[in-house]
Amino acid sequence: MTGSSREQVRETLRRYLAQHPDATLKQIANLLGVSRQRAHIRKQAILQPITDHELDILHYVQRGYTNMEIAEAVKRSHRTIKSQLNLIFAKLNTDNRNHAVALAIEQGLISLDKSN
């Protein structure tokens, strides 16, 4: 799906999963032209809402924490935080921290109040 917008990819995957709920990661990867790992992230983004833990991570991002600082705060590895941020980005259909925070605020997932 080279050259497709993120929204087109999400919609294609959403339709495909509606018709093929038991699709394998290999099938999804082939459909989207991505790795199985990326296919897994995309599938999770479609099927699972943002979790409370992911919202906690977004709050730290909103406050300007680095991945390492977030990892220390939530007692996870920085690689785990990086993976979780990639999943959050996929769920919010973005690819950067600032846009993810802006979208989360816009969608009412987090507030502008940085004390939260």
Protein backbone atom coordinates (compact mmCIF):
# COMPACT_ATOMS: atom_id res chain seq x y z
CA MET A 1 0.00 0.00 0.00
CA THR A 2 2.89 2.29 -0.80
CA GLY A 3 1.73 5.84 -1.38
CA SER A 4 -1.51 5.39 0.58
CA SER A 5 -2.43 7.76 3.37
CA ARG A 6 -2.55 6.49 6.94
CA GLU A 7 -6.32 6.80 6.91
CA GLN A 8 -6.57 4.73 3.72
CA VAL A 9 -4.39 2.04 5.29
CA ARG A 10 -6.50 2.02 8.47
CA GLU A 11 -9.73 1.80 6.49
CA THR A 12 -8.37 -0.97 4.25
CA LEU A 13 -7.29 -2.95 7.29
CA ARG A 14 -10.57 -2.28 9.12
CA ARG A 15 -12.55 -3.63 6.15
CA TYR A 16 -10.22 -6.60 5.69
CA LEU A 17 -10.49 -7.57 9.36
CA ALA A 18 -14.28 -7.25 9.23
CA GLN A 19 -14.33 -9.80 6.41
CA HIS A 20 -11.43 -11.93 7.73
CA PRO A 21 -11.49 -11.75 11.55
CA ASP A 22 -9.05 -14.67 11.83
CA ALA A 23 -6.49 -13.18 9.44
CA THR A 24 -2.91 -14.09 10.25
CA LEU A 25 -0.17 -11.53 10.70
CA LYS A 26 1.42 -12.85 7.52
CA GLN A 27 -1.78 -12.13 5.57
CA ILE A 28 -2.07 -8.64 7.06
CA ALA A 29 1.61 -7.95 6.40
CA ASN A 30 1.18 -9.01 2.76
CA LEU A 31 -1.95 -6.87 2.39
CA LEU A 32 -0.23 -3.77 3.78
CA GLY A 33 3.24 -4.46 2.43
CA VAL A 34 4.82 -4.25 5.90
CA SER A 35 6.68 -6.52 8.32
CA ARG A 36 4.78 -8.90 10.59
CA GLN A 37 5.76 -6.75 13.58
CA ARG A 38 4.27 -3.65 11.93
CA ALA A 39 1.20 -5.72 10.92
CA HIS A 40 0.77 -6.71 14.58
CA ILE A 41 0.89 -3.08 15.67
CA ARG A 42 -1.60 -2.02 12.99
CA LYS A 43 -3.98 -4.85 13.91
CA GLN A 44 -3.83 -3.97 17.61
CA ALA A 45 -4.44 -0.33 16.79
CA ILE A 46 -7.65 -1.25 15.00
CA LEU A 47 -8.94 -3.80 17.50
CA GLN A 48 -7.95 -2.36 20.89
CA PRO A 49 -8.74 1.03 22.41
CA ILE A 50 -6.06 3.02 24.22
CA THR A 51 -5.40 1.51 27.64
CA ASP A 52 -5.04 3.32 30.96
CA HIS A 53 -1.32 2.53 30.94
CA GLU A 54 -0.98 4.09 27.47
CA LEU A 55 -2.81 7.18 28.73
CA ASP A 56 -0.32 7.37 31.60
CA ILE A 57 2.50 7.30 29.06
CA LEU A 58 0.80 10.07 27.06
CA HIS A 59 0.62 12.19 30.22
CA TYR A 60 4.38 11.83 30.64
CA VAL A 61 4.90 12.72 26.98
CA GLN A 62 2.67 15.77 27.47
CA ARG A 63 4.94 16.86 30.34
CA GLY A 64 8.00 16.60 28.10
CA TYR A 65 9.53 13.42 29.52
CA THR A 66 11.96 11.45 27.36
CA ASN A 67 11.45 7.73 26.75
CA MET A 68 14.15 7.00 29.36
CA GLU A 69 12.46 9.23 31.93
CA ILE A 70 9.08 7.62 31.26
CA ALA A 71 10.67 4.17 31.59
CA GLU A 72 12.10 5.08 34.98
CA ALA A 73 8.79 6.54 36.15
CA VAL A 74 6.70 3.50 35.16
CA LYS A 75 9.43 0.92 35.89
CA ARG A 76 9.70 -0.43 32.35
CA SER A 77 12.62 -0.56 29.92
CA HIS A 78 13.09 2.34 27.51
CA ARG A 79 12.64 -0.15 24.64
CA THR A 80 9.25 -1.16 26.06
CA ILE A 81 8.25 2.50 26.24
CA LYS A 82 9.37 3.01 22.64
CA SER A 83 7.24 0.03 21.53
CA GLN A 84 4.28 1.26 23.53
CA LEU A 85 4.60 4.73 22.02
CA ASN A 86 4.61 3.21 18.53
CA LEU A 87 1.38 1.39 19.38
CA ILE A 88 -0.12 4.61 20.76
CA PHE A 89 0.89 6.41 17.57
CA ALA A 90 -0.79 3.70 15.49
CA LYS A 91 -3.95 3.86 17.59
CA LEU A 92 -4.09 7.64 17.20
CA ASN A 93 -3.06 7.45 13.54
CA THR A 94 0.00 9.67 13.90
CA ASP A 95 3.75 9.25 13.95
CA ASN A 96 5.03 11.78 16.47
CA ARG A 97 4.75 12.68 20.11
CA ASN A 98 3.37 16.20 19.77
CA HIS A 99 0.62 15.16 17.38
CA ALA A 100 -0.27 12.19 19.61
CA VAL A 101 -0.71 14.50 22.61
CA ALA A 102 -2.71 17.01 20.55
CA LEU A 103 -5.01 14.28 19.23
CA ALA A 104 -5.45 12.78 22.71
CA ILE A 105 -6.45 16.19 24.06
CA GLU A 106 -8.78 16.78 21.10
CA GLN A 107 -10.43 13.39 21.65
CA GLY A 108 -10.82 14.02 25.39
CA LEU A 109 -8.43 11.22 26.35
CA ILE A 110 -6.20 13.57 28.35
CA SER A 111 -6.67 17.13 29.51
CA LEU A 112 -4.67 20.29 29.02
CA ASP A 113 -4.10 20.41 32.76
CA LYS A 114 -0.50 19.23 33.08
CA SER A 115 -0.95 18.38 36.76
CA ASN A 116 -2.85 15.21 35.80
